[in-house]
Amino acid sequence: MLKNNKKLSDIFSKVSLVIILFTIMVIVDIPLKFIPYIKISTGAYFLPFYLCPIGLFLSVLSLKLNKNKIGYIALILNVCMVLLEAIFMVVGFKFLVH
């Protein structure tokens, strides 16, 4: 049973890390356009509000099953992305409108 918990914990933490890295890559791609031939609208700025809670849940679940370094890293990155997105929504749109 313990081996299954460790394996499941590793899967949850890695999926959570992939989610956060995917959202960062999409958000950075909007101004830099380093992925050619893909049209991403500005709705991608809202992507962390939809995906980061899923990653946050998976990383917390991973840490409850087994404490691991990847789970902690994913948890910190997901929380930072949600907070940065909230700050951007409050402050950033004021600069975009004017």
N, C-alpha and C. Protein backbone atom coordinates (compact mmCIF):
# COMPACT_ATOMS: atom_id res chain seq x y z
N MET A 1 0.82 -1.20 0.00
CA MET A 1 0.00 0.00 0.00
C MET A 1 0.87 1.26 0.00
N LEU A 2 1.97 1.21 0.73
CA LEU A 2 2.84 2.38 0.80
C LEU A 2 3.50 2.67 -0.53
N LYS A 3 3.84 1.65 -1.26
CA LYS A 3 4.48 1.84 -2.56
C LYS A 3 3.49 2.48 -3.54
N ASN A 4 2.21 2.08 -3.46
CA ASN A 4 1.20 2.67 -4.33
C ASN A 4 0.97 4.14 -4.00
N ASN A 5 1.00 4.49 -2.70
CA ASN A 5 0.84 5.89 -2.31
C ASN A 5 1.98 6.74 -2.83
N LYS A 6 3.19 6.21 -2.77
CA LYS A 6 4.35 6.96 -3.26
C LYS A 6 4.26 7.14 -4.77
N LYS A 7 3.85 6.11 -5.47
CA LYS A 7 3.73 6.19 -6.93
C LYS A 7 2.63 7.18 -7.33
N LEU A 8 1.48 7.11 -6.62
CA LEU A 8 0.38 8.02 -6.90
C LEU A 8 0.76 9.45 -6.56
N SER A 9 1.49 9.63 -5.47
CA SER A 9 1.96 10.96 -5.08
C SER A 9 2.90 11.54 -6.13
N ASP A 10 3.78 10.73 -6.66
CA ASP A 10 4.69 11.19 -7.71
C ASP A 10 3.94 11.59 -8.97
N ILE A 11 2.92 10.81 -9.32
CA ILE A 11 2.12 11.13 -10.51
C ILE A 11 1.39 12.45 -10.31
N PHE A 12 0.74 12.63 -9.15
CA PHE A 12 0.01 13.88 -8.89
C PHE A 12 0.93 15.09 -8.91
N SER A 13 2.10 14.96 -8.31
CA SER A 13 3.01 16.11 -8.25
C SER A 13 3.57 16.43 -9.64
N LYS A 14 3.85 15.42 -10.44
CA LYS A 14 4.37 15.69 -11.79
C LYS A 14 3.31 16.28 -12.70
N VAL A 15 2.06 15.82 -12.58
CA VAL A 15 0.98 16.40 -13.38
C VAL A 15 0.75 17.85 -12.96
N SER A 16 0.81 18.12 -11.66
CA SER A 16 0.66 19.50 -11.18
C SER A 16 1.77 20.39 -11.71
N LEU A 17 2.98 19.89 -11.75
CA LEU A 17 4.10 20.66 -12.28
C LEU A 17 3.96 20.89 -13.79
N VAL A 18 3.48 19.90 -14.51
CA VAL A 18 3.25 20.07 -15.95
C VAL A 18 2.17 21.11 -16.20
N ILE A 19 1.13 21.13 -15.39
CA ILE A 19 0.07 22.13 -15.55
C ILE A 19 0.63 23.53 -15.37
N ILE A 20 1.42 23.74 -14.34
CA ILE A 20 1.95 25.08 -14.09
C ILE A 20 2.95 25.49 -15.16
N LEU A 21 3.78 24.57 -15.62
CA LEU A 21 4.73 24.91 -16.68
C LEU A 21 4.02 25.21 -18.00
N PHE A 22 2.94 24.50 -18.27
CA PHE A 22 2.15 24.76 -19.47
C PHE A 22 1.52 26.16 -19.42
N THR A 23 0.96 26.53 -18.28
CA THR A 23 0.35 27.86 -18.18
C THR A 23 1.40 28.96 -18.29
N ILE A 24 2.56 28.76 -17.70
CA ILE A 24 3.62 29.76 -17.81
C ILE A 24 4.07 29.89 -19.27
N MET A 25 4.21 28.75 -19.95
CA MET A 25 4.64 28.78 -21.35
C MET A 25 3.62 29.51 -22.23
N VAL A 26 2.35 29.27 -22.01
CA VAL A 26 1.32 29.93 -22.83
C VAL A 26 1.28 31.42 -22.55
N ILE A 27 1.40 31.81 -21.30
CA ILE A 27 1.35 33.24 -20.96
C ILE A 27 2.57 33.97 -21.51
N VAL A 28 3.74 33.36 -21.42
CA VAL A 28 4.95 34.00 -21.93
C VAL A 28 4.93 34.05 -23.46
N ASP A 29 4.26 33.10 -24.09
CA ASP A 29 4.21 33.06 -25.55
C ASP A 29 3.39 34.20 -26.13
N ILE A 30 2.45 34.74 -25.39
CA ILE A 30 1.60 35.80 -25.94
C ILE A 30 2.42 37.02 -26.37
N PRO A 31 3.25 37.61 -25.50
CA PRO A 31 4.03 38.76 -25.99
C PRO A 31 5.27 38.39 -26.80
N LEU A 32 5.89 37.23 -26.52
CA LEU A 32 7.15 36.90 -27.18
C LEU A 32 6.98 36.15 -28.50
N LYS A 33 5.89 35.43 -28.67
CA LYS A 33 5.59 34.68 -29.89
C LYS A 33 6.71 33.71 -30.26
N PHE A 34 7.15 32.89 -29.29
CA PHE A 34 8.21 31.94 -29.58
C PHE A 34 7.68 30.61 -30.12
N ILE A 35 6.37 30.39 -30.09
CA ILE A 35 5.78 29.21 -30.72
C ILE A 35 5.10 29.69 -31.99
N PRO A 36 5.69 29.43 -33.16
CA PRO A 36 5.10 29.94 -34.40
C PRO A 36 3.85 29.15 -34.80
N TYR A 37 3.04 29.76 -35.62
CA TYR A 37 1.85 29.14 -36.22
C TYR A 37 0.74 28.83 -35.22
N ILE A 38 0.81 29.35 -34.02
CA ILE A 38 -0.26 29.14 -33.06
C ILE A 38 -0.82 30.49 -32.68
N LYS A 39 -2.11 30.68 -32.92
CA LYS A 39 -2.78 31.92 -32.55
C LYS A 39 -3.40 31.73 -31.17
N ILE A 40 -2.89 32.44 -30.20
CA ILE A 40 -3.42 32.39 -28.84
C ILE A 40 -4.01 33.76 -28.53
N SER A 41 -5.25 33.77 -28.14
CA SER A 41 -5.89 35.05 -27.84
C SER A 41 -5.48 35.53 -26.46
N THR A 42 -5.94 36.71 -26.11
CA THR A 42 -5.61 37.26 -24.80
C THR A 42 -6.37 36.55 -23.69
N GLY A 43 -7.28 35.67 -24.03
CA GLY A 43 -7.96 34.87 -23.01
C GLY A 43 -7.02 33.94 -22.28
N ALA A 44 -5.84 33.74 -22.83
CA ALA A 44 -4.85 32.89 -22.16
C ALA A 44 -4.35 33.52 -20.87
N TYR A 45 -4.52 34.83 -20.72
CA TYR A 45 -4.15 35.46 -19.46
C TYR A 45 -5.03 34.96 -18.32
N PHE A 46 -6.22 34.46 -18.63
CA PHE A 46 -7.11 33.93 -17.61
C PHE A 46 -6.88 32.45 -17.34
N LEU A 47 -5.98 31.84 -18.07
CA LEU A 47 -5.71 30.41 -17.94
C LEU A 47 -5.32 29.99 -16.52
N PRO A 48 -4.50 30.74 -15.78
CA PRO A 48 -4.16 30.31 -14.42
C PRO A 48 -5.37 30.22 -13.49
N PHE A 49 -6.39 31.02 -13.71
CA PHE A 49 -7.56 30.91 -12.85
C PHE A 49 -8.32 29.62 -13.06
N TYR A 50 -8.17 29.01 -14.21
CA TYR A 50 -8.86 27.76 -14.48
C TYR A 50 -7.98 26.54 -14.21
N LEU A 51 -6.72 26.62 -14.54
CA LEU A 51 -5.84 25.45 -14.41
C LEU A 51 -5.08 25.39 -13.09
N CYS A 52 -4.68 26.51 -12.54
CA CYS A 52 -3.87 26.48 -11.32
C CYS A 52 -4.61 25.91 -10.11
N PRO A 53 -5.92 26.13 -9.95
CA PRO A 53 -6.59 25.44 -8.83
C PRO A 53 -6.56 23.92 -8.97
N ILE A 54 -6.60 23.43 -10.20
CA ILE A 54 -6.49 21.98 -10.41
C ILE A 54 -5.09 21.51 -10.01
N GLY A 55 -4.08 22.24 -10.44
CA GLY A 55 -2.71 21.92 -10.06
C GLY A 55 -2.48 22.06 -8.57
N LEU A 56 -3.11 23.06 -7.97
CA LEU A 56 -3.00 23.26 -6.52
C LEU A 56 -3.60 22.08 -5.77
N PHE A 57 -4.77 21.64 -6.21
CA PHE A 57 -5.42 20.49 -5.59
C PHE A 57 -4.56 19.23 -5.73
N LEU A 58 -4.01 19.02 -6.92
CA LEU A 58 -3.17 17.84 -7.13
C LEU A 58 -1.90 17.88 -6.30
N SER A 59 -1.30 19.06 -6.16
CA SER A 59 -0.07 19.13 -5.37
C SER A 59 -0.36 18.95 -3.87
N VAL A 60 -1.48 19.46 -3.38
CA VAL A 60 -1.84 19.25 -1.98
C VAL A 60 -2.15 17.77 -1.74
N LEU A 61 -2.86 17.16 -2.68
CA LEU A 61 -3.15 15.73 -2.57
C LEU A 61 -1.86 14.92 -2.60
N SER A 62 -0.93 15.31 -3.42
CA SER A 62 0.36 14.64 -3.49
C SER A 62 1.11 14.74 -2.16
N LEU A 63 1.06 15.92 -1.55
CA LEU A 63 1.76 16.11 -0.28
C LEU A 63 1.07 15.37 0.86
N LYS A 64 -0.24 15.19 0.77
CA LYS A 64 -0.93 14.42 1.80
C LYS A 64 -0.58 12.93 1.72
N LEU A 65 -0.40 12.44 0.50
CA LEU A 65 -0.05 11.03 0.34
C LEU A 65 1.40 10.76 0.73
N ASN A 66 2.29 11.62 0.28
CA ASN A 66 3.72 11.41 0.54
C ASN A 66 4.43 12.74 0.37
N LYS A 67 5.19 13.15 1.34
CA LYS A 67 5.93 14.41 1.24
C LYS A 67 7.07 14.26 0.25
N ASN A 68 7.05 15.09 -0.81
CA ASN A 68 8.14 15.03 -1.78
C ASN A 68 8.47 16.44 -2.27
N LYS A 69 9.66 16.59 -2.78
CA LYS A 69 10.16 17.90 -3.18
C LYS A 69 9.39 18.46 -4.38
N ILE A 70 9.04 17.62 -5.32
CA ILE A 70 8.32 18.09 -6.51
C ILE A 70 6.94 18.62 -6.12
N GLY A 71 6.31 17.97 -5.15
CA GLY A 71 5.01 18.44 -4.67
C GLY A 71 5.10 19.83 -4.05
N TYR A 72 6.15 20.07 -3.26
CA TYR A 72 6.34 21.39 -2.66
C TYR A 72 6.61 22.45 -3.72
N ILE A 73 7.43 22.11 -4.70
CA ILE A 73 7.73 23.07 -5.77
C ILE A 73 6.47 23.40 -6.56
N ALA A 74 5.68 22.38 -6.88
CA ALA A 74 4.44 22.60 -7.63
C ALA A 74 3.45 23.43 -6.81
N LEU A 75 3.37 23.18 -5.53
CA LEU A 75 2.47 23.95 -4.66
C LEU A 75 2.86 25.42 -4.63
N ILE A 76 4.14 25.69 -4.46
CA ILE A 76 4.61 27.08 -4.40
C ILE A 76 4.38 27.79 -5.74
N LEU A 77 4.68 27.13 -6.84
CA LEU A 77 4.49 27.75 -8.16
C LEU A 77 3.01 28.00 -8.46
N ASN A 78 2.14 27.07 -8.09
CA ASN A 78 0.71 27.26 -8.32
C ASN A 78 0.16 28.41 -7.51
N VAL A 79 0.56 28.51 -6.25
CA VAL A 79 0.09 29.62 -5.41
C VAL A 79 0.60 30.95 -5.97
N CYS A 80 1.86 30.99 -6.38
CA CYS A 80 2.42 32.22 -6.96
C CYS A 80 1.69 32.63 -8.23
N MET A 81 1.36 31.67 -9.08
CA MET A 81 0.66 32.00 -10.32
C MET A 81 -0.74 32.54 -10.06
N VAL A 82 -1.44 31.96 -9.10
CA VAL A 82 -2.78 32.45 -8.77
C VAL A 82 -2.69 33.87 -8.21
N LEU A 83 -1.72 34.12 -7.33
CA LEU A 83 -1.57 35.46 -6.76
C LEU A 83 -1.13 36.48 -7.82
N LEU A 84 -0.20 36.10 -8.68
CA LEU A 84 0.23 37.02 -9.73
C LEU A 84 -0.90 37.32 -10.71
N GLU A 85 -1.73 36.33 -10.98
CA GLU A 85 -2.86 36.56 -11.87
C GLU A 85 -3.88 37.50 -11.23
N ALA A 86 -4.10 37.36 -9.93
CA ALA A 86 -5.02 38.27 -9.23
C ALA A 86 -4.47 39.69 -9.23
N ILE A 87 -3.18 39.84 -9.01
CA ILE A 87 -2.57 41.17 -9.05
C ILE A 87 -2.66 41.75 -10.45
N PHE A 88 -2.42 40.93 -11.47
CA PHE A 88 -2.52 41.40 -12.84
C PHE A 88 -3.93 41.86 -13.17
N MET A 89 -4.93 41.15 -12.69
CA MET A 89 -6.30 41.54 -13.00
C MET A 89 -6.68 42.86 -12.34
N VAL A 90 -6.13 43.12 -11.19
CA VAL A 90 -6.44 44.37 -10.49
C VAL A 90 -5.63 45.53 -11.06
N VAL A 91 -4.33 45.34 -11.24
CA VAL A 91 -3.44 46.43 -11.63
C VAL A 91 -3.23 46.49 -13.14
N GLY A 92 -3.07 45.35 -13.76
CA GLY A 92 -2.65 45.29 -15.17
C GLY A 92 -3.66 45.88 -16.13
N PHE A 93 -4.94 45.64 -15.91
CA PHE A 93 -5.93 46.16 -16.83
C PHE A 93 -6.04 47.67 -16.78
N LYS A 94 -5.66 48.27 -15.66
CA LYS A 94 -5.64 49.73 -15.59
C LYS A 94 -4.61 50.30 -16.56
N PHE A 95 -3.47 49.61 -16.67
CA PHE A 95 -2.42 50.08 -17.58
C PHE A 95 -2.75 49.75 -19.03
N LEU A 96 -3.47 48.66 -19.26
CA LEU A 96 -3.83 48.30 -20.63
C LEU A 96 -4.90 49.21 -21.20
N VAL A 97 -5.79 49.71 -20.34
CA VAL A 97 -6.88 50.55 -20.81
C VAL A 97 -6.39 51.96 -21.13
N HIS A 98 -5.46 52.48 -20.35
CA HIS A 98 -5.01 53.87 -20.57
C HIS A 98 -3.88 53.94 -21.53
